[in-house]
Protein backbone atom coordinates (compact mmCIF):
# COMPACT_ATOMS: atom_id res chain seq x y z
CA UNK A 1 0.15 0.23 -0.13
CA UNK A 2 1.48 3.38 -0.72
CA UNK A 3 1.78 5.71 1.22
CA UNK A 4 -0.35 8.28 -0.13
CA UNK A 5 -3.06 4.89 0.17
CA UNK A 6 -2.31 4.34 3.95
CA UNK A 7 -2.83 7.90 4.54
CA UNK A 8 -5.73 7.82 2.98
CA UNK A 9 -7.55 5.02 4.11
CA UNK A 10 -6.31 6.36 8.36
CA UNK A 11 -8.16 9.19 7.60
CA UNK A 12 -11.25 7.39 6.18
CA UNK A 13 -11.04 5.05 8.93
CA UNK A 14 -10.71 7.91 11.42
CA UNK A 15 -13.95 9.14 9.98
CA UNK A 16 -15.71 6.22 10.07
CA UNK A 17 -14.92 5.63 13.65
CA UNK A 18 -15.89 9.16 14.95
CA UNK A 19 -19.09 9.35 12.87
CA UNK A 20 -20.37 6.54 14.22
CA UNK A 21 -19.80 7.68 17.36
CA UNK A 22 -21.65 10.36 16.46
CA UNK A 23 -24.60 8.61 14.97
CA UNK A 24 -24.40 6.51 18.05
CA UNK A 25 -25.23 9.76 19.92
CA UNK A 26 -28.02 11.00 17.72
CA UNK A 27 -29.70 7.29 17.57
CA UNK A 28 -29.56 7.51 21.97
CA UNK A 29 -30.68 10.85 20.92
CA UNK A 30 -33.61 9.76 19.36
CA UNK A 31 -34.04 6.67 21.71
CA UNK A 32 -34.65 9.03 24.52
CA UNK A 33 -31.05 9.73 25.89
CA UNK A 34 -31.51 12.65 28.46
CA UNK A 35 -28.34 14.67 26.92
CA UNK A 36 -30.17 17.37 25.60
CA UNK A 37 -27.83 19.86 27.08
CA UNK A 38 -25.30 18.48 24.66
CA UNK A 39 -27.16 19.04 21.26
CA UNK A 40 -28.88 21.10 19.50
CA UNK A 41 -27.67 24.41 21.02
CA UNK A 42 -28.17 22.97 24.78
CA UNK A 43 -31.88 24.29 24.55
CA UNK A 44 -33.53 20.99 25.81
CA UNK A 45 -31.96 19.84 29.45
CA UNK A 46 -32.90 16.16 29.46
CA UNK A 47 -34.78 14.19 26.98
CA UNK A 48 -35.87 15.79 23.69
CA UNK A 49 -38.97 16.72 22.78
CA UNK A 50 -40.52 15.32 19.70
CA UNK A 51 -38.78 17.90 17.14
CA UNK A 52 -35.29 17.55 18.50
CA UNK A 53 -36.05 13.43 18.07
CA UNK A 54 -36.67 14.18 14.43
CA UNK A 55 -33.97 16.51 14.21
CA UNK A 56 -31.50 14.01 15.93
CA UNK A 57 -32.51 10.44 13.35
CA UNK A 58 -31.99 13.11 9.62
CA UNK A 59 -28.91 14.24 11.71
CA UNK A 60 -28.28 10.53 12.37
CA UNK A 61 -29.19 9.74 9.02
CA UNK A 62 -26.82 12.19 7.26
CA UNK A 63 -23.90 10.90 9.19
CA UNK A 64 -24.59 7.65 7.83
CA UNK A 65 -24.51 8.84 4.31
CA UNK A 66 -21.49 10.66 4.24
CA UNK A 67 -19.48 8.03 6.31
CA UNK A 68 -20.31 5.74 3.64
CA UNK A 69 -19.29 8.76 1.04
CA UNK A 70 -16.04 8.77 3.14
CA UNK A 71 -15.39 5.07 3.14
CA UNK A 72 -15.95 4.23 -0.80
CA UNK A 73 -13.41 7.32 -1.43
CA UNK A 74 -10.76 6.74 0.80
CA UNK A 75 -11.29 3.58 -1.08
CA UNK A 76 -11.79 1.25 2.17
CA UNK A 77 -15.39 0.11 0.64
CA UNK A 78 -17.40 -0.21 -2.54
CA UNK A 79 -14.08 1.08 -4.73
CA UNK A 80 -15.43 0.26 -8.03
CA UNK A 81 -18.04 3.46 -6.73
CA UNK A 82 -14.72 6.02 -6.22
CA UNK A 83 -15.24 7.75 -9.11
CA UNK A 84 -19.51 7.85 -8.03
CA UNK A 85 -18.87 9.54 -5.39
CA UNK A 86 -16.26 11.53 -6.26
CA UNK A 87 -18.17 14.77 -6.06
CA UNK A 88 -19.61 14.16 -2.75
CA UNK A 89 -16.31 14.19 -0.97
CA UNK A 90 -16.79 17.50 -0.75
CA UNK A 91 -20.17 17.73 0.67
CA UNK A 92 -18.52 15.29 3.53
CA UNK A 93 -16.16 18.42 3.65
CA UNK A 94 -18.33 21.22 3.56
CA UNK A 95 -21.24 19.26 6.21
CA UNK A 96 -17.89 18.78 8.67
CA UNK A 97 -16.82 22.83 8.33
CA UNK A 98 -20.32 23.47 8.99
CA UNK A 99 -20.27 21.68 12.04
CA UNK A 100 -17.06 22.98 13.33
CA UNK A 101 -18.72 26.31 12.91
CA UNK A 102 -22.01 25.97 14.37
CA UNK A 103 -20.03 24.38 17.37
CA UNK A 104 -17.82 27.30 18.19
CA UNK A 105 -21.60 29.10 17.90
CA UNK A 106 -23.94 27.37 20.17
CA UNK A 107 -24.16 28.63 23.55
CA UNK A 108 -23.81 25.41 25.29
CA UNK A 109 -20.71 24.93 26.86
CA UNK A 110 -20.85 21.52 27.48
CA UNK A 111 -21.62 20.80 23.93
CA UNK A 112 -18.81 22.88 22.33
CA UNK A 113 -16.36 20.82 24.72
CA UNK A 114 -17.72 17.98 23.73
CA UNK A 115 -18.42 18.07 19.73
CA UNK A 116 -15.84 20.94 18.45
CA UNK A 117 -13.18 18.54 18.94
CA UNK A 118 -14.88 16.13 16.96
CA UNK A 119 -16.21 17.89 14.88
CA UNK A 120 -12.43 19.70 13.98
CA UNK A 121 -11.50 15.38 14.02
CA UNK A 122 -13.77 15.37 11.08
CA UNK A 123 -13.08 18.06 8.88
CA UNK A 124 -9.43 17.06 9.19
CA UNK A 125 -10.17 13.37 8.52
CA UNK A 126 -12.56 14.35 4.90
CA UNK A 127 -10.59 16.86 4.38
CA UNK A 128 -7.30 14.52 3.91
CA UNK A 129 -9.80 12.52 2.14
CA UNK A 130 -10.97 14.77 -0.55
CA UNK A 131 -7.29 15.99 -1.10
CA UNK A 132 -5.38 12.47 -1.47
CA UNK A 133 -7.98 10.14 -3.31
CA UNK A 134 -7.96 9.39 -6.48
């Protein structure tokens, strides 16, 4: 495996592990976990209301799709689809960048402390995959 492929694979796997953690968090919110203070600007302490749970469910689905794009773009999964998803890797980078901005701007200190480092790592990993994948 070449250095480019190794770096890309490490970035792709790093993104995948982190995004799965975030998806798990979102699924737990949908299931009623009392972590509202750690998401959506901390507007809801405890369990999210139905609308907040719907947002968490939509976020989980988007993150799964973005994770799939990164895995394919990095050549880890379904490499025969790499060319087809190539334009979408930039959507993953943009989404990750917006997540950084949202986590910087959140009024919830606990949310920022937990998710800003994760968002930054997701941005870096997606950018590495975008810049280094064929």
